[in-house]
Protein backbone atom coordinates (compact mmCIF):
# COMPACT_ATOMS: atom_id res chain seq x y z
CA MET A 1 -52.52 348.50 -42.20
CA LYS A 2 -48.96 347.21 -41.65
CA LYS A 3 -49.54 347.11 -37.90
CA ASN A 4 -52.67 344.97 -38.33
CA ILE A 5 -50.75 342.51 -40.57
CA LEU A 6 -48.04 342.15 -37.93
CA LEU A 7 -50.69 341.64 -35.25
CA LEU A 8 -52.29 338.92 -37.36
CA GLY A 9 -49.07 337.16 -37.87
CA SER A 10 -48.37 337.26 -34.18
CA VAL A 11 -51.75 335.76 -33.37
CA ARG A 12 -51.17 332.97 -35.87
CA ASN A 13 -47.70 332.16 -34.50
CA THR A 14 -49.16 332.06 -30.92
CA ALA A 15 -51.86 329.69 -32.03
CA LEU A 16 -49.36 327.42 -33.85
CA LEU A 17 -47.18 327.34 -30.70
CA LEU A 18 -50.12 326.39 -28.57
CA CYS A 19 -51.00 323.57 -30.95
CA ILE A 20 -47.46 322.26 -30.87
CA MET A 21 -47.31 322.44 -27.08
CA LEU A 22 -50.72 320.59 -26.86
CA LEU A 23 -49.46 317.79 -29.18
CA ILE A 24 -46.30 317.42 -27.15
CA SER A 25 -48.25 317.20 -23.90
CA ILE A 26 -50.65 314.40 -25.21
CA TRP A 27 -48.12 312.50 -27.31
CA PRO A 28 -46.50 310.26 -24.62
CA ALA A 29 -49.93 309.00 -23.47
CA PHE A 30 -51.11 308.46 -27.07
CA SER A 31 -47.80 306.62 -27.96
CA SER A 32 -47.92 304.37 -24.93
CA GLN A 33 -51.42 303.39 -25.59
CA ALA A 34 -50.65 302.48 -29.21
CA ILE A 35 -47.66 300.48 -28.21
CA ALA A 36 -49.56 298.57 -25.50
CA ALA A 37 -52.43 297.76 -27.85
CA GLY A 38 -50.04 296.55 -30.59
CA SER A 39 -47.94 294.50 -28.27
CA SER A 40 -50.89 292.48 -26.87
CA THR A 41 -52.80 291.81 -30.20
CA PHE A 42 -52.12 288.54 -31.95
CA LYS A 43 -53.65 287.08 -35.03
CA VAL A 44 -56.12 284.37 -34.13
CA SER A 45 -57.38 281.92 -36.81
CA THR A 46 -59.60 278.82 -37.12
CA GLN A 47 -57.88 276.71 -39.89
CA LYS A 48 -59.43 273.72 -41.66
CA VAL A 49 -56.61 271.30 -42.29
CA ASN A 50 -56.81 268.05 -44.38
CA ALA A 51 -54.24 265.70 -42.99
CA ALA A 52 -53.75 261.94 -42.51
CA GLY A 53 -56.97 261.26 -44.40
CA ARG A 54 -59.17 263.53 -42.25
CA THR A 55 -60.34 267.09 -41.94
CA PHE A 56 -59.46 268.95 -38.72
CA ASN A 57 -60.40 272.33 -37.32
CA GLY A 58 -57.33 273.83 -35.77
CA GLN A 59 -57.24 276.92 -33.55
CA THR A 60 -54.04 278.86 -34.11
CA VAL A 61 -52.40 282.06 -32.83
CA ARG A 62 -49.52 283.66 -34.69
CA ILE A 63 -46.66 285.15 -32.56
CA PRO A 64 -44.49 287.65 -34.34
CA LYS A 65 -40.61 286.99 -34.09
CA GLY A 66 -39.06 288.85 -31.23
CA THR A 67 -42.12 288.81 -28.95
CA ALA A 68 -41.14 288.69 -25.33
CA THR A 69 -41.59 285.22 -23.69
CA ALA A 70 -41.77 283.67 -20.24
CA VAL A 71 -42.88 280.61 -18.42
CA GLY A 72 -46.23 281.45 -16.73
CA LEU A 73 -46.45 279.68 -13.39
CA ALA A 74 -49.52 279.36 -11.22
CA ASP A 75 -49.03 281.71 -8.35
CA ARG A 76 -45.59 282.40 -9.95
CA GLN A 77 -44.23 279.24 -8.16
CA VAL A 78 -43.30 275.79 -9.31
CA GLY A 79 -45.72 273.16 -8.00
CA HIS A 80 -48.98 275.19 -7.87
CA THR A 81 -52.04 275.16 -10.20
CA ALA A 82 -54.45 277.81 -11.51
CA SER A 83 -56.62 278.37 -14.51
CA LEU A 84 -54.86 279.28 -17.87
CA ALA A 85 -56.70 282.66 -17.96
CA ALA A 86 -55.69 283.52 -14.36
CA ILE A 87 -51.97 282.65 -15.16
CA ALA A 88 -51.97 284.68 -18.36
CA ARG A 89 -53.57 287.67 -16.72
CA SER A 90 -51.11 287.43 -13.80
CA TYR A 91 -48.34 287.91 -16.34
CA GLY A 92 -50.26 290.53 -18.37
CA ALA A 93 -49.75 288.15 -21.34
CA GLY A 94 -51.20 288.89 -24.82
CA ALA A 95 -51.18 285.17 -25.67
CA ALA A 96 -50.55 281.83 -23.71
CA ILE A 97 -50.72 278.20 -24.18
CA ASN A 98 -50.43 275.20 -21.76
CA GLY A 99 -46.85 274.04 -21.41
CA ALA A 100 -45.02 271.02 -19.92
CA PHE A 101 -46.75 267.83 -18.69
CA PHE A 102 -47.45 267.78 -14.93
CA GLU A 103 -48.77 265.57 -12.13
CA ALA A 104 -52.58 266.08 -12.46
CA TYR A 105 -53.91 262.97 -10.79
CA GLY A 106 -53.50 263.27 -7.04
CA GLY A 107 -49.88 263.89 -6.29
CA PRO A 108 -48.09 267.35 -5.89
CA PRO A 109 -48.77 269.17 -9.14
CA ASP A 110 -45.14 269.32 -10.18
CA PRO A 111 -44.12 269.60 -13.79
CA TYR A 112 -42.35 266.78 -15.58
CA GLY A 113 -40.40 268.76 -18.31
CA THR A 114 -37.72 271.34 -18.36
CA LEU A 115 -38.66 274.86 -17.42
CA ILE A 116 -36.40 277.91 -17.92
CA SER A 117 -37.56 281.48 -17.36
CA GLY A 118 -35.69 284.76 -17.03
CA GLY A 119 -32.56 282.69 -17.78
CA ARG A 120 -33.13 280.66 -14.62
CA LEU A 121 -33.57 276.93 -14.58
CA GLN A 122 -36.89 276.34 -12.78
CA HIS A 123 -37.43 272.67 -13.37
CA LEU A 124 -35.48 269.83 -14.76
CA GLY A 125 -36.77 267.16 -17.14
CA ARG A 126 -34.89 264.47 -18.96
CA TYR A 127 -37.12 263.32 -21.87
CA GLY A 128 -39.00 264.75 -24.95
CA THR A 129 -38.34 267.95 -26.90
CA THR A 130 -37.92 271.52 -25.66
CA ILE A 131 -38.52 274.78 -27.32
CA GLY A 132 -36.35 277.68 -26.19
CA PHE A 133 -36.16 281.42 -26.84
CA THR A 134 -33.10 283.68 -26.66
CA LYS A 135 -33.29 287.27 -25.33
CA ASP A 136 -34.00 288.68 -28.81
CA GLY A 137 -37.01 286.30 -29.23
CA THR A 138 -35.17 283.82 -31.61
CA ALA A 139 -36.78 280.33 -31.17
CA LYS A 140 -34.95 276.94 -31.21
CA MET A 141 -36.02 273.44 -30.68
CA ASP A 142 -34.01 270.39 -29.64
CA SER A 143 -34.00 267.15 -27.51
CA LEU A 144 -32.54 269.16 -24.62
CA ARG A 145 -31.01 267.17 -21.80
CA ILE A 146 -29.68 269.31 -18.83
CA SER A 147 -27.16 268.15 -16.19
CA VAL A 148 -26.61 269.89 -12.95
CA THR A 149 -23.27 269.29 -11.28
CA GLY A 150 -21.00 271.15 -8.90
CA THR A 151 -18.17 271.11 -6.49
CA VAL A 152 -18.00 271.70 -2.74
CA THR A 153 -14.73 272.84 -1.15
CA PRO A 154 -14.33 272.94 2.65
CA ALA A 155 -12.32 275.75 4.34
CA LYS A 156 -9.54 273.15 4.89
CA GLY A 157 -9.14 270.09 2.70
CA ARG A 158 -9.83 269.02 -0.85
CA GLY A 159 -12.96 269.65 -2.81
CA SER A 160 -15.43 267.00 -4.03
CA SER A 161 -18.21 266.84 -6.56
CA TRP A 162 -21.98 266.81 -6.35
CA TYR A 163 -24.93 266.57 -8.67
CA ALA A 164 -28.64 267.23 -8.72
CA THR A 165 -31.17 264.63 -9.59
CA TRP A 166 -33.96 267.10 -9.93
CA PHE A 167 -34.77 270.78 -9.62
CA ASN A 168 -37.75 272.21 -7.67
CA ARG A 169 -39.95 269.05 -7.24
CA THR A 170 -41.21 266.93 -4.43
CA PRO A 171 -39.41 263.65 -4.06
CA GLY A 172 -41.09 260.26 -3.85
CA THR A 173 -41.53 258.74 -0.41
CA ALA A 174 -38.87 256.11 -0.89
CA ALA A 175 -36.65 257.84 -3.46
CA GLY A 176 -32.95 258.43 -3.00
CA THR A 177 -32.52 261.88 -4.59
CA SER A 178 -30.61 265.13 -4.55
CA ILE A 179 -32.85 268.04 -5.34
CA VAL A 180 -32.14 271.76 -5.73
CA TYR A 181 -34.73 274.21 -4.57
CA THR A 182 -34.57 277.81 -5.76
CA PRO A 183 -36.83 280.81 -5.00
CA ASP A 184 -38.86 279.83 -8.02
CA ARG A 185 -40.24 277.08 -5.76
CA GLY A 186 -41.41 279.64 -3.23
CA ALA A 187 -40.41 280.58 0.32
CA SER A 188 -39.69 277.01 1.35
CA THR A 189 -39.11 273.42 0.01
CA GLY A 190 -42.75 272.47 0.66
CA PHE A 191 -42.16 269.20 2.46
CA SER A 192 -40.28 267.64 5.37
CA GLY A 193 -37.71 264.83 5.17
CA GLY A 194 -34.17 264.37 4.11
CA ILE A 195 -31.17 266.56 4.88
CA ALA A 196 -31.08 270.25 3.72
CA VAL A 197 -28.08 272.11 2.77
CA THR A 198 -28.61 275.88 2.59
CA VAL A 199 -26.27 277.77 0.23
CA VAL A 200 -26.22 281.65 0.14
CA GLN A 201 -23.85 283.42 -2.31
CA GLY A 202 -21.86 280.31 -2.93
CA LYS A 203 -21.31 279.33 0.74
CA VAL A 204 -22.91 276.70 2.93
CA ILE A 205 -24.54 278.50 5.83
CA ARG A 206 -26.56 275.68 7.30
CA LYS A 207 -27.00 271.89 7.16
CA ALA A 208 -29.91 270.31 9.06
CA ASN A 209 -32.83 267.93 8.81
CA ASN A 210 -35.28 269.30 6.22
CA LYS A 211 -38.45 270.57 7.98
CA ASN A 212 -39.96 272.53 5.08
CA THR A 213 -36.65 274.47 4.97
CA SER A 214 -36.68 278.17 3.97
CA ILE A 215 -35.26 278.93 0.58
CA PRO A 216 -33.04 282.05 0.63
CA LYS A 217 -33.77 284.76 -1.91
CA ASN A 218 -30.09 284.97 -2.77
CA GLY A 219 -29.27 281.23 -2.78
CA TYR A 220 -30.72 277.72 -2.87
CA VAL A 221 -31.34 274.61 -0.81
CA ILE A 222 -30.11 271.20 -1.74
CA VAL A 223 -32.18 268.34 -0.14
CA TYR A 224 -30.68 264.80 -0.01
CA THR A 225 -33.17 261.92 0.65
CA GLY A 226 -33.00 258.21 1.05
CA SER A 227 -29.70 256.57 -0.10
CA GLU A 228 -28.25 259.94 -1.14
CA LYS A 229 -28.32 261.36 2.50
CA SER A 230 -24.64 260.46 2.90
CA THR A 231 -23.66 262.81 0.13
CA ALA A 232 -24.64 265.67 2.50
CA ASP A 233 -21.63 264.85 4.62
CA ARG A 234 -19.55 266.67 2.00
CA PHE A 235 -21.19 269.97 2.87
CA GLU A 236 -20.13 271.70 6.04
CA PRO A 237 -20.99 275.31 7.06
CA GLY A 238 -18.45 277.70 5.53
CA ALA A 239 -17.70 275.43 2.51
CA GLN A 240 -17.56 277.01 -0.88
CA VAL A 241 -20.16 275.66 -3.45
CA LYS A 242 -20.20 275.93 -7.17
CA MET A 243 -22.99 274.89 -9.45
CA ASN A 244 -22.65 274.04 -13.23
CA ILE A 245 -25.44 273.67 -15.73
CA ASP A 246 -24.60 271.80 -19.03
CA TYR A 247 -26.68 271.38 -22.13
CA GLN A 248 -26.72 268.36 -24.40
CA ASP A 249 -29.10 266.64 -26.81
CA MET A 250 -30.57 263.12 -26.24
CA HIS A 251 -27.45 261.74 -28.07
CA GLY A 252 -25.01 263.28 -25.63
CA LYS A 253 -23.87 265.99 -27.99
CA ASP A 254 -23.15 269.46 -26.52
CA ILE A 255 -25.57 272.04 -27.76
CA ALA A 256 -25.44 275.91 -27.47
CA TRP A 257 -28.41 276.69 -25.10
CA GLN A 258 -26.49 278.94 -22.75
CA ASP A 259 -28.18 281.98 -24.28
CA VAL A 260 -31.77 280.66 -23.84
CA VAL A 261 -33.79 282.74 -21.43
CA THR A 262 -37.18 280.90 -21.76
CA ALA A 263 -37.81 277.15 -22.37
CA VAL A 264 -40.59 274.63 -22.04
CA GLY A 265 -40.02 270.91 -22.39
CA ALA A 266 -42.70 268.47 -23.52
CA GLY A 267 -42.78 266.58 -26.76
CA PRO A 268 -42.54 264.51 -28.75
CA ARG A 269 -41.12 266.31 -31.78
CA LEU A 270 -43.61 266.49 -34.61
CA VAL A 271 -41.74 268.32 -37.50
CA ASP A 272 -38.14 268.89 -38.17
CA HIS A 273 -37.04 271.15 -41.02
CA GLY A 274 -40.41 270.92 -42.79
CA GLN A 275 -40.57 267.07 -42.56
CA VAL A 276 -42.64 264.93 -40.23
CA ALA A 277 -40.29 263.54 -37.58
CA LEU A 278 -42.18 261.66 -34.96
CA ASP A 279 -40.37 259.10 -32.73
CA ALA A 280 -42.02 259.23 -29.30
CA ALA A 281 -40.59 256.07 -27.91
CA THR A 282 -36.99 257.06 -28.67
CA GLU A 283 -37.66 260.39 -26.85
CA GLY A 284 -38.65 258.38 -23.77
CA PHE A 285 -42.48 258.34 -23.99
CA GLN A 286 -44.32 255.16 -22.94
CA ASP A 287 -47.79 256.39 -22.31
CA PRO A 288 -50.47 255.02 -24.73
CA LYS A 289 -51.97 258.52 -24.70
CA ILE A 290 -48.94 259.72 -26.52
CA LEU A 291 -48.08 256.64 -28.58
CA ASN A 292 -51.46 255.48 -29.98
CA ALA A 293 -54.52 257.21 -28.53
CA SER A 294 -56.58 260.10 -29.92
CA GLY A 295 -57.19 263.30 -27.93
CA ALA A 296 -57.08 267.00 -27.55
CA ARG A 297 -53.57 268.38 -28.59
CA SER A 298 -51.63 271.53 -27.96
CA GLY A 299 -48.50 272.36 -29.88
CA ILE A 300 -45.94 275.01 -30.88
CA ALA A 301 -44.23 275.56 -34.23
CA ILE A 302 -41.33 277.63 -35.42
CA MET A 303 -42.35 279.03 -38.84
CA PRO A 304 -39.92 279.50 -41.91
CA ASP A 305 -39.88 283.34 -41.14
CA GLY A 306 -38.90 282.84 -37.46
CA SER A 307 -42.35 283.63 -36.14
CA VAL A 308 -44.10 281.18 -33.77
CA LEU A 309 -47.43 279.45 -34.17
CA ILE A 310 -49.31 278.08 -31.13
CA ALA A 311 -52.19 275.68 -31.90
CA THR A 312 -54.81 273.37 -30.48
CA VAL A 313 -56.89 270.64 -32.11
CA SER A 314 -59.29 268.04 -30.80
CA GLY A 315 -59.48 264.33 -31.46
CA ALA A 316 -56.08 263.76 -33.20
CA THR A 317 -53.41 260.97 -32.66
CA MET A 318 -49.94 262.00 -32.52
CA LYS A 319 -49.32 260.94 -36.10
CA GLN A 320 -52.26 263.05 -37.15
CA TRP A 321 -51.09 265.93 -35.08
CA ALA A 322 -47.65 265.79 -36.71
CA ALA A 323 -49.26 265.85 -40.26
CA ILE A 324 -51.49 268.73 -39.15
CA MET A 325 -48.48 270.83 -37.96
CA GLN A 326 -46.73 270.18 -41.26
CA LYS A 327 -49.75 271.29 -43.25
CA LEU A 328 -49.94 274.45 -41.10
CA GLY A 329 -46.47 275.31 -42.52
CA ALA A 330 -44.25 274.48 -39.63
CA ARG A 331 -40.50 274.48 -40.08
CA ASP A 332 -40.14 272.82 -36.67
CA ALA A 333 -42.89 271.71 -34.32
CA MET A 334 -43.45 269.82 -31.05
CA ASN A 335 -46.32 268.64 -28.97
CA LEU A 336 -47.14 270.20 -25.60
CA ASP A 337 -49.26 268.71 -22.67
CA GLY A 338 -52.75 267.84 -24.01
CA GLY A 339 -56.03 266.13 -23.11
CA ALA A 340 -57.78 268.10 -20.33
CA SER A 341 -54.69 270.37 -20.15
CA SER A 342 -55.05 271.62 -23.71
CA GLY A 343 -55.80 275.32 -23.64
CA MET A 344 -54.93 278.55 -25.43
CA TYR A 345 -55.56 282.24 -24.69
CA ALA A 346 -55.16 285.35 -26.82
CA ASN A 347 -56.15 289.00 -26.81
CA GLY A 348 -57.93 288.76 -23.43
CA LYS A 349 -60.09 285.72 -24.38
CA MET A 350 -59.89 281.91 -24.09
CA ILE A 351 -59.46 280.48 -27.62
CA THR A 352 -59.40 276.85 -26.32
CA SER A 353 -60.67 276.18 -22.70
CA ALA A 354 -58.49 273.78 -20.62
CA GLY A 355 -60.51 271.24 -18.69
CA ARG A 356 -58.46 271.57 -15.48
CA PRO A 357 -56.18 274.00 -13.63
CA LEU A 358 -52.63 274.08 -14.91
CA SER A 359 -49.20 274.08 -13.41
CA ASN A 360 -47.29 275.92 -16.07
CA THR A 361 -47.83 277.78 -19.38
CA LEU A 362 -45.77 279.53 -22.05
CA VAL A 363 -46.78 283.22 -22.16
CA PHE A 364 -46.11 285.82 -24.84
CA GLY A 365 -45.88 289.57 -24.18
CA GLY A 366 -46.79 291.24 -20.93
CA ASN A 367 -45.01 291.59 -17.48
CA ARG A 368 -42.32 289.09 -17.13
CA SER A 369 -40.89 290.08 -13.85
C-alpha cells in the first residue's frame, strides 16, 4: 500500500512538472501577443459637441501618455507623398493623423512646418505652433522657432560663421538660400543648381556645383543658391564644420526643447491652459482658409492627465474649432493641416479619410526605426 501511495505521488509530481514546463514554453509567445495587441489599440469615439452656437460631430482617438511617437513620412523621406493608411502601416502605427501643412498644389510636396523625429531635425518651419514629445512620451506645445547656425574653420586661418535658411526642401527658382540636406531627404538633394558643400563627420570632403548631389549617410550637404552662393567660398575641403540648433518661441525667448525627440509644426494654437487662445495672424498665418473660412479640421490636444487626443471635424471655422477643442477637455490644443489633408487612422482602420496623398503624419506606437 505504501509503495502505491509513493508511486501515485511520483506520477502527480511528474504531471505537475510537465504542466509547468508547458506553461514556460508557451508564455513568451502569449505575452508578446498580449503586449502587441495592447500597444496598438486606442480608444476611438464619435463625440457630439455643442460649441460656438452649433452642434458638431467630432471623431477622436485617445492616446495614453507615454505612447511612442514619430513623424511618419511618405516613403520615409521628406518631400514625397503617400496615403495616410500607407504611411501608418509602413510604421506599424496603432494610430496616426495628418501633420504639417505641405505644398499640395503642383510644386514639390515639401512640408512647411517644423518636423523632428528620432531627435533629428527633418524640416524647418518658422511660423505657427508646434507639438513636441520627449523620450518618455511627455507632450509639450509652444510657438517653436528654430535657428540653425554654425562655424567653419579651415586648416589654416580663422573660422567664420554660417547659417541655414531651410532644412530638406527644394529652393525656389530665383531664391537666395542656404539649405541643409540630411539623409532624411533621401539619397540625394533631389534637384540641380547652386553650390553643394558635402560634410562628413564634421569635415568638408567636397565642394562642387550641385547636380542632384548625393547625401552621405554619416553627414549632410549644404546647398547655396542665388545671392547666397558666395558664402560657399568659406568652405574648403578639409575645413572643420560645426552645426548648432537653437530653440526659441516666437517672442525670441529661449525654450527647453533640446530633449524633444518628435515634433510637428502647424497651428494656429487653439487652447492654452484650458482657455481658448486663437491668434492666427500673430503666428504668421495669412491664408483666408485659416483666418475666416470653414472647412475640415484636424487637431491635437494635450489633456489634463498628460494623455493626448487627436481629433477631426468637418465644416468648422478656426474659432469654432478652438471652441470644440476646449469643450473636448483640452488643456492645450493646436490645429494641424486640414481641408483635403484632414485624415485620421486607428486600430488598422481609417477613422477620417484624407482626400489626397500626404507628405507627413504624426504616428503613435509601432516601428519607429
